[in-house]
Amino acid sequence: MPTQPTERTLIMIKPDGVSRCLVGRIIERFELADFRLIAMRFATMPEATMREFYREHEGKPFYESLVRVMSSGPVAMLAFERDDAVARARQLVGQTNPADAAPGTIRADFGLNGQQNTVHASDSPASAERELRLMLPEALH
């Protein structure tokens, strides 16, 4: 049976996760789940970059506060790869609202609320490619 090609995804540890010193613990969870870290960057992102990053949410009630929160402090941008990376990462991360996330997921364990939910994870291979191109283009080479 042929194997699926290795897939890449973006995980971004949000300012709330960085400020609570969760970066190492979150990376460890991905590595224990057979993800390979291939690129990483740590920065406080300009508001304009966060507007572009979350452009599919423009016009939604939470968009402005999401952009503000995401540009309020440093984030850790991580490019991981493995077979079925996007879907598997979404399982590790859990539902957007930590109250709805399954026990043992990153958001259930560390999330504070719907926006301060510790991590962003690409929701599809196409989104992963767009997000990596914007945040960690070196991970696409």
N, C-alpha and C. Protein backbone atom coordinates (compact mmCIF):
# COMPACT_ATOMS: atom_id res chain seq x y z
N MET A 1 0.84 -1.17 0.00
CA MET A 1 0.00 0.00 0.00
C MET A 1 0.89 1.24 0.00
N PRO A 2 0.70 2.19 -0.94
CA PRO A 2 1.54 3.38 -0.98
C PRO A 2 1.26 4.28 0.22
N THR A 3 2.29 4.96 0.69
CA THR A 3 2.12 5.87 1.82
C THR A 3 1.83 7.27 1.31
N GLN A 4 1.14 8.04 2.13
CA GLN A 4 0.87 9.43 1.81
C GLN A 4 2.18 10.21 1.88
N PRO A 5 2.35 11.22 1.03
CA PRO A 5 3.57 12.03 1.13
C PRO A 5 3.57 12.82 2.43
N THR A 6 4.76 13.12 2.91
CA THR A 6 4.88 13.92 4.12
C THR A 6 4.24 15.28 3.89
N GLU A 7 3.52 15.73 4.88
CA GLU A 7 2.78 16.99 4.81
C GLU A 7 3.37 17.95 5.84
N ARG A 8 3.26 19.24 5.57
CA ARG A 8 3.76 20.26 6.50
C ARG A 8 2.59 21.11 6.99
N THR A 9 2.75 21.59 8.21
CA THR A 9 1.71 22.43 8.80
C THR A 9 2.34 23.49 9.68
N LEU A 10 1.58 24.55 9.91
CA LEU A 10 2.03 25.62 10.79
C LEU A 10 1.30 25.51 12.12
N ILE A 11 2.06 25.58 13.17
CA ILE A 11 1.52 25.71 14.53
C ILE A 11 2.08 27.02 15.06
N MET A 12 1.20 27.84 15.58
CA MET A 12 1.66 29.11 16.16
C MET A 12 1.25 29.14 17.62
N ILE A 13 2.24 29.25 18.48
CA ILE A 13 1.95 29.40 19.91
C ILE A 13 1.68 30.88 20.13
N LYS A 14 0.46 31.15 20.58
CA LYS A 14 -0.03 32.52 20.70
C LYS A 14 0.61 33.25 21.88
N PRO A 15 0.45 34.59 21.93
CA PRO A 15 1.06 35.34 23.02
C PRO A 15 0.73 34.81 24.42
N ASP A 16 -0.49 34.31 24.63
CA ASP A 16 -0.82 33.79 25.96
C ASP A 16 0.01 32.55 26.28
N GLY A 17 0.28 31.71 25.29
CA GLY A 17 1.10 30.51 25.51
C GLY A 17 2.55 30.85 25.74
N VAL A 18 3.06 31.81 24.98
CA VAL A 18 4.45 32.25 25.14
C VAL A 18 4.64 32.88 26.52
N SER A 19 3.73 33.77 26.92
CA SER A 19 3.88 34.47 28.20
C SER A 19 3.79 33.52 29.39
N ARG A 20 3.14 32.38 29.20
CA ARG A 20 3.02 31.40 30.29
C ARG A 20 4.08 30.30 30.19
N CYS A 21 5.10 30.52 29.35
CA CYS A 21 6.26 29.62 29.23
C CYS A 21 5.85 28.19 28.84
N LEU A 22 4.97 28.08 27.83
CA LEU A 22 4.47 26.78 27.39
C LEU A 22 5.12 26.30 26.09
N VAL A 23 6.03 27.07 25.51
CA VAL A 23 6.60 26.72 24.21
C VAL A 23 7.24 25.34 24.21
N GLY A 24 8.10 25.07 25.15
CA GLY A 24 8.79 23.78 25.20
C GLY A 24 7.83 22.62 25.41
N ARG A 25 6.84 22.81 26.26
CA ARG A 25 5.88 21.74 26.54
C ARG A 25 5.05 21.43 25.30
N ILE A 26 4.69 22.47 24.54
CA ILE A 26 3.89 22.25 23.33
C ILE A 26 4.73 21.58 22.24
N ILE A 27 5.95 22.04 22.05
CA ILE A 27 6.83 21.38 21.08
C ILE A 27 7.00 19.91 21.45
N GLU A 28 7.19 19.63 22.71
CA GLU A 28 7.37 18.24 23.14
C GLU A 28 6.17 17.38 22.77
N ARG A 29 4.97 17.90 22.92
CA ARG A 29 3.77 17.12 22.56
C ARG A 29 3.78 16.75 21.09
N PHE A 30 4.18 17.69 20.25
CA PHE A 30 4.24 17.40 18.82
C PHE A 30 5.34 16.39 18.51
N GLU A 31 6.49 16.55 19.12
CA GLU A 31 7.59 15.61 18.86
C GLU A 31 7.24 14.21 19.35
N LEU A 32 6.55 14.09 20.47
CA LEU A 32 6.13 12.78 20.97
C LEU A 32 5.09 12.12 20.06
N ALA A 33 4.41 12.94 19.27
CA ALA A 33 3.42 12.43 18.31
C ALA A 33 4.03 12.25 16.92
N ASP A 34 5.35 12.14 16.86
CA ASP A 34 6.08 11.87 15.62
C ASP A 34 6.06 13.00 14.60
N PHE A 35 5.91 14.23 15.06
CA PHE A 35 6.09 15.39 14.18
C PHE A 35 7.57 15.76 14.21
N ARG A 36 8.06 16.24 13.09
CA ARG A 36 9.45 16.71 13.01
C ARG A 36 9.43 18.21 12.83
N LEU A 37 10.08 18.92 13.76
CA LEU A 37 10.18 20.38 13.68
C LEU A 37 11.19 20.73 12.60
N ILE A 38 10.74 21.49 11.58
CA ILE A 38 11.64 21.80 10.47
C ILE A 38 11.99 23.28 10.37
N ALA A 39 11.22 24.14 11.04
CA ALA A 39 11.55 25.57 11.06
C ALA A 39 10.85 26.19 12.26
N MET A 40 11.47 27.26 12.77
CA MET A 40 10.90 27.93 13.94
C MET A 40 11.32 29.40 13.92
N ARG A 41 10.41 30.24 14.34
CA ARG A 41 10.70 31.68 14.43
C ARG A 41 9.93 32.23 15.62
N PHE A 42 10.54 33.15 16.31
CA PHE A 42 9.95 33.78 17.49
C PHE A 42 9.93 35.27 17.24
N ALA A 43 8.76 35.90 17.28
CA ALA A 43 8.67 37.33 16.99
C ALA A 43 7.35 37.90 17.47
N THR A 44 7.33 39.20 17.67
CA THR A 44 6.07 39.92 17.86
C THR A 44 5.66 40.38 16.48
N MET A 45 4.50 39.94 16.04
CA MET A 45 4.06 40.18 14.67
C MET A 45 3.34 41.52 14.55
N PRO A 46 3.63 42.28 13.49
CA PRO A 46 2.92 43.53 13.25
C PRO A 46 1.43 43.26 13.02
N GLU A 47 0.61 44.22 13.38
CA GLU A 47 -0.83 44.09 13.20
C GLU A 47 -1.18 43.82 11.74
N ALA A 48 -0.48 44.45 10.81
CA ALA A 48 -0.77 44.24 9.38
C ALA A 48 -0.54 42.78 8.98
N THR A 49 0.47 42.15 9.52
CA THR A 49 0.73 40.73 9.23
C THR A 49 -0.39 39.86 9.79
N MET A 50 -0.84 40.18 10.99
CA MET A 50 -1.93 39.39 11.59
C MET A 50 -3.24 39.60 10.84
N ARG A 51 -3.45 40.80 10.31
CA ARG A 51 -4.65 41.03 9.48
C ARG A 51 -4.62 40.14 8.24
N GLU A 52 -3.46 40.05 7.60
CA GLU A 52 -3.32 39.19 6.42
C GLU A 52 -3.45 37.72 6.81
N PHE A 53 -2.85 37.34 7.91
CA PHE A 53 -2.88 35.95 8.36
C PHE A 53 -4.31 35.48 8.61
N TYR A 54 -5.12 36.32 9.24
CA TYR A 54 -6.50 35.96 9.59
C TYR A 54 -7.53 36.58 8.64
N ARG A 55 -7.13 36.89 7.42
CA ARG A 55 -8.01 37.61 6.49
C ARG A 55 -9.33 36.90 6.23
N GLU A 56 -9.38 35.56 6.32
CA GLU A 56 -10.65 34.86 6.08
C GLU A 56 -11.70 35.16 7.15
N HIS A 57 -11.27 35.74 8.26
CA HIS A 57 -12.20 36.10 9.34
C HIS A 57 -12.59 37.58 9.32
N GLU A 58 -12.05 38.33 8.37
CA GLU A 58 -12.36 39.76 8.29
C GLU A 58 -13.87 39.96 8.21
N GLY A 59 -14.38 40.90 9.00
CA GLY A 59 -15.81 41.18 9.03
C GLY A 59 -16.56 40.41 10.10
N LYS A 60 -15.95 39.38 10.66
CA LYS A 60 -16.59 38.62 11.73
C LYS A 60 -16.43 39.40 13.04
N PRO A 61 -17.36 39.19 13.98
CA PRO A 61 -17.33 39.98 15.22
C PRO A 61 -16.03 39.89 16.02
N PHE A 62 -15.32 38.79 15.92
CA PHE A 62 -14.11 38.59 16.73
C PHE A 62 -12.83 39.02 16.02
N TYR A 63 -12.92 39.43 14.76
CA TYR A 63 -11.73 39.69 13.95
C TYR A 63 -10.81 40.75 14.56
N GLU A 64 -11.35 41.91 14.89
CA GLU A 64 -10.50 43.00 15.41
C GLU A 64 -9.81 42.61 16.72
N SER A 65 -10.54 41.97 17.62
CA SER A 65 -9.91 41.59 18.89
C SER A 65 -8.88 40.47 18.66
N LEU A 66 -9.14 39.57 17.71
CA LEU A 66 -8.17 38.52 17.39
C LEU A 66 -6.87 39.12 16.88
N VAL A 67 -6.96 40.08 15.98
CA VAL A 67 -5.77 40.74 15.44
C VAL A 67 -5.01 41.44 16.57
N ARG A 68 -5.73 42.13 17.45
CA ARG A 68 -5.10 42.83 18.59
C ARG A 68 -4.38 41.84 19.50
N VAL A 69 -5.07 40.76 19.86
CA VAL A 69 -4.46 39.76 20.75
C VAL A 69 -3.22 39.16 20.12
N MET A 70 -3.31 38.81 18.84
CA MET A 70 -2.20 38.12 18.18
C MET A 70 -0.99 39.02 17.93
N SER A 71 -1.18 40.33 17.93
CA SER A 71 -0.05 41.25 17.76
C SER A 71 0.35 41.90 19.08
N SER A 72 -0.18 41.40 20.19
CA SER A 72 0.07 42.01 21.50
C SER A 72 1.38 41.56 22.15
N GLY A 73 2.00 40.52 21.63
CA GLY A 73 3.23 40.01 22.22
C GLY A 73 3.84 38.96 21.32
N PRO A 74 4.96 38.40 21.72
CA PRO A 74 5.64 37.42 20.87
C PRO A 74 4.83 36.15 20.67
N VAL A 75 5.01 35.58 19.48
CA VAL A 75 4.45 34.27 19.14
C VAL A 75 5.61 33.37 18.71
N ALA A 76 5.42 32.07 18.86
CA ALA A 76 6.38 31.10 18.37
C ALA A 76 5.74 30.42 17.17
N MET A 77 6.34 30.60 15.99
CA MET A 77 5.83 29.99 14.76
C MET A 77 6.64 28.74 14.49
N LEU A 78 5.95 27.63 14.32
CA LEU A 78 6.60 26.33 14.18
C LEU A 78 6.10 25.64 12.93
N ALA A 79 7.01 25.16 12.12
CA ALA A 79 6.65 24.34 10.97
C ALA A 79 6.99 22.91 11.32
N PHE A 80 5.99 22.05 11.26
CA PHE A 80 6.16 20.63 11.54
C PHE A 80 5.82 19.83 10.30
N GLU A 81 6.40 18.64 10.21
CA GLU A 81 6.03 17.74 9.13
C GLU A 81 5.87 16.32 9.65
N ARG A 82 5.02 15.59 8.95
CA ARG A 82 4.78 14.16 9.14
C ARG A 82 3.67 13.79 8.18
N ASP A 83 3.41 12.53 8.02
CA ASP A 83 2.26 12.12 7.22
C ASP A 83 1.00 12.62 7.88
N ASP A 84 0.07 13.17 7.09
CA ASP A 84 -1.22 13.64 7.59
C ASP A 84 -1.06 14.70 8.70
N ALA A 85 -0.08 15.59 8.51
CA ALA A 85 0.28 16.56 9.55
C ALA A 85 -0.87 17.48 9.95
N VAL A 86 -1.61 17.99 8.99
CA VAL A 86 -2.66 18.96 9.30
C VAL A 86 -3.74 18.31 10.18
N ALA A 87 -4.27 17.19 9.75
CA ALA A 87 -5.34 16.54 10.51
C ALA A 87 -4.86 16.08 11.88
N ARG A 88 -3.67 15.51 11.94
CA ARG A 88 -3.14 15.03 13.22
C ARG A 88 -2.86 16.19 14.17
N ALA A 89 -2.36 17.31 13.64
CA ALA A 89 -2.12 18.48 14.49
C ALA A 89 -3.44 19.01 15.06
N ARG A 90 -4.47 19.03 14.23
CA ARG A 90 -5.79 19.50 14.70
C ARG A 90 -6.30 18.61 15.84
N GLN A 91 -6.03 17.31 15.77
CA GLN A 91 -6.43 16.41 16.85
C GLN A 91 -5.66 16.73 18.14
N LEU A 92 -4.36 16.98 18.02
CA LEU A 92 -3.56 17.31 19.20
C LEU A 92 -3.97 18.63 19.83
N VAL A 93 -4.35 19.57 18.98
CA VAL A 93 -4.68 20.92 19.45
C VAL A 93 -6.06 20.95 20.11
N GLY A 94 -7.06 20.32 19.51
CA GLY A 94 -8.40 20.32 20.07
C GLY A 94 -9.26 21.45 19.55
N GLN A 95 -10.51 21.46 19.97
CA GLN A 95 -11.49 22.46 19.54
C GLN A 95 -11.04 23.87 19.91
N THR A 96 -11.52 24.87 19.14
CA THR A 96 -11.14 26.26 19.34
C THR A 96 -11.39 26.73 20.77
N ASN A 97 -12.58 26.47 21.28
CA ASN A 97 -12.91 26.87 22.65
C ASN A 97 -12.39 25.78 23.59
N PRO A 98 -11.48 26.14 24.49
CA PRO A 98 -10.92 25.14 25.40
C PRO A 98 -11.99 24.38 26.20
N ALA A 99 -13.12 25.01 26.48
CA ALA A 99 -14.19 24.34 27.22
C ALA A 99 -14.79 23.19 26.42
N ASP A 100 -14.69 23.25 25.10
CA ASP A 100 -15.23 22.20 24.22
C ASP A 100 -14.17 21.19 23.78
N ALA A 101 -12.92 21.46 24.08
CA ALA A 101 -11.83 20.61 23.61
C ALA A 101 -11.75 19.32 24.43
N ALA A 102 -11.40 18.24 23.77
CA ALA A 102 -11.28 16.94 24.43
C ALA A 102 -10.18 16.97 25.48
N PRO A 103 -10.39 16.28 26.59
CA PRO A 103 -9.34 16.19 27.62
C PRO A 103 -8.03 15.68 27.01
N GLY A 104 -6.93 16.27 27.45
CA GLY A 104 -5.62 15.86 26.95
C GLY A 104 -5.15 16.61 25.73
N THR A 105 -6.03 17.41 25.10
CA THR A 105 -5.58 18.23 23.97
C THR A 105 -4.89 19.48 24.51
N ILE A 106 -4.13 20.12 23.65
CA ILE A 106 -3.38 21.30 24.07
C ILE A 106 -4.32 22.40 24.55
N ARG A 107 -5.38 22.65 23.80
CA ARG A 107 -6.30 23.72 24.21
C ARG A 107 -7.05 23.38 25.49
N ALA A 108 -7.43 22.13 25.68
CA ALA A 108 -8.11 21.74 26.93
C ALA A 108 -7.17 21.91 28.12
N ASP A 109 -5.91 21.56 27.92
CA ASP A 109 -4.95 21.61 29.02
C ASP A 109 -4.44 23.02 29.32
N PHE A 110 -4.29 23.85 28.27
CA PHE A 110 -3.63 25.14 28.46
C PHE A 110 -4.45 26.36 28.06
N GLY A 111 -5.50 26.19 27.29
CA GLY A 111 -6.27 27.34 26.79
C GLY A 111 -7.02 28.07 27.88
N LEU A 112 -7.17 29.37 27.69
CA LEU A 112 -7.86 30.21 28.66
C LEU A 112 -9.30 30.51 28.22
N ASN A 113 -9.49 30.77 26.92
CA ASN A 113 -10.81 31.07 26.37
C ASN A 113 -10.74 30.92 24.85
N GLY A 114 -11.78 31.32 24.15
CA GLY A 114 -11.85 31.12 22.71
C GLY A 114 -10.75 31.80 21.91
N GLN A 115 -10.27 32.95 22.36
CA GLN A 115 -9.17 33.62 21.65
C GLN A 115 -7.82 33.35 22.28
N GLN A 116 -7.77 33.28 23.57
CA GLN A 116 -6.52 32.94 24.26
C GLN A 116 -6.52 31.43 24.48
N ASN A 117 -6.46 30.73 23.34
CA ASN A 117 -6.55 29.28 23.38
C ASN A 117 -5.18 28.64 23.09
N THR A 118 -4.15 29.40 23.30
CA THR A 118 -2.75 28.96 23.34
C THR A 118 -2.10 28.70 21.99
N VAL A 119 -2.82 28.07 21.05
CA VAL A 119 -2.19 27.73 19.78
C VAL A 119 -3.13 27.96 18.60
N HIS A 120 -2.51 28.25 17.48
CA HIS A 120 -3.19 28.24 16.18
C HIS A 120 -2.66 27.04 15.43
N ALA A 121 -3.55 26.34 14.71
CA ALA A 121 -3.13 25.23 13.86
C ALA A 121 -3.79 25.38 12.51
N SER A 122 -3.04 25.20 11.45
CA SER A 122 -3.60 25.26 10.09
C SER A 122 -4.78 24.30 10.00
N ASP A 123 -5.83 24.71 9.27
CA ASP A 123 -7.04 23.88 9.20
C ASP A 123 -7.16 23.05 7.93
N SER A 124 -6.24 23.22 7.00
CA SER A 124 -6.25 22.43 5.77
C SER A 124 -4.86 22.50 5.15
N PRO A 125 -4.54 21.57 4.26
CA PRO A 125 -3.24 21.67 3.58
C PRO A 125 -3.08 22.98 2.81
N ALA A 126 -4.15 23.47 2.19
CA ALA A 126 -4.06 24.75 1.47
C ALA A 126 -3.79 25.90 2.43
N SER A 127 -4.47 25.91 3.58
CA SER A 127 -4.21 26.95 4.58
C SER A 127 -2.79 26.84 5.11
N ALA A 128 -2.32 25.62 5.33
CA ALA A 128 -0.96 25.44 5.82
C ALA A 128 0.05 26.04 4.85
N GLU A 129 -0.15 25.80 3.57
CA GLU A 129 0.78 26.36 2.58
C GLU A 129 0.74 27.88 2.59
N ARG A 130 -0.46 28.47 2.62
CA ARG A 130 -0.59 29.93 2.65
C ARG A 130 0.04 30.50 3.91
N GLU A 131 -0.24 29.88 5.06
CA GLU A 131 0.27 30.37 6.34
C GLU A 131 1.79 30.22 6.43
N LEU A 132 2.31 29.11 5.97
CA LEU A 132 3.76 28.92 5.98
C LEU A 132 4.43 29.92 5.04
N ARG A 133 3.84 30.17 3.89
CA ARG A 133 4.40 31.14 2.95
C ARG A 133 4.50 32.53 3.60
N LEU A 134 3.51 32.88 4.42
CA LEU A 134 3.48 34.19 5.06
C LEU A 134 4.41 34.23 6.29
N MET A 135 4.43 33.18 7.09
CA MET A 135 5.11 33.24 8.37
C MET A 135 6.49 32.55 8.40
N LEU A 136 6.63 31.45 7.67
CA LEU A 136 7.89 30.69 7.68
C LEU A 136 8.19 30.19 6.27
N PRO A 137 8.42 31.09 5.34
CA PRO A 137 8.60 30.64 3.94
C PRO A 137 9.75 29.64 3.75
N GLU A 138 10.73 29.68 4.62
CA GLU A 138 11.85 28.74 4.50
C GLU A 138 11.40 27.29 4.70
N ALA A 139 10.26 27.07 5.32
CA ALA A 139 9.75 25.71 5.55
C ALA A 139 9.17 25.10 4.28
N LEU A 140 9.01 25.88 3.24
CA LEU A 140 8.43 25.38 1.98
C LEU A 140 9.49 24.91 1.00
N HIS A 141 10.76 25.07 1.32
CA HIS A 141 11.85 24.69 0.40
C HIS A 141 12.31 23.29 0.65
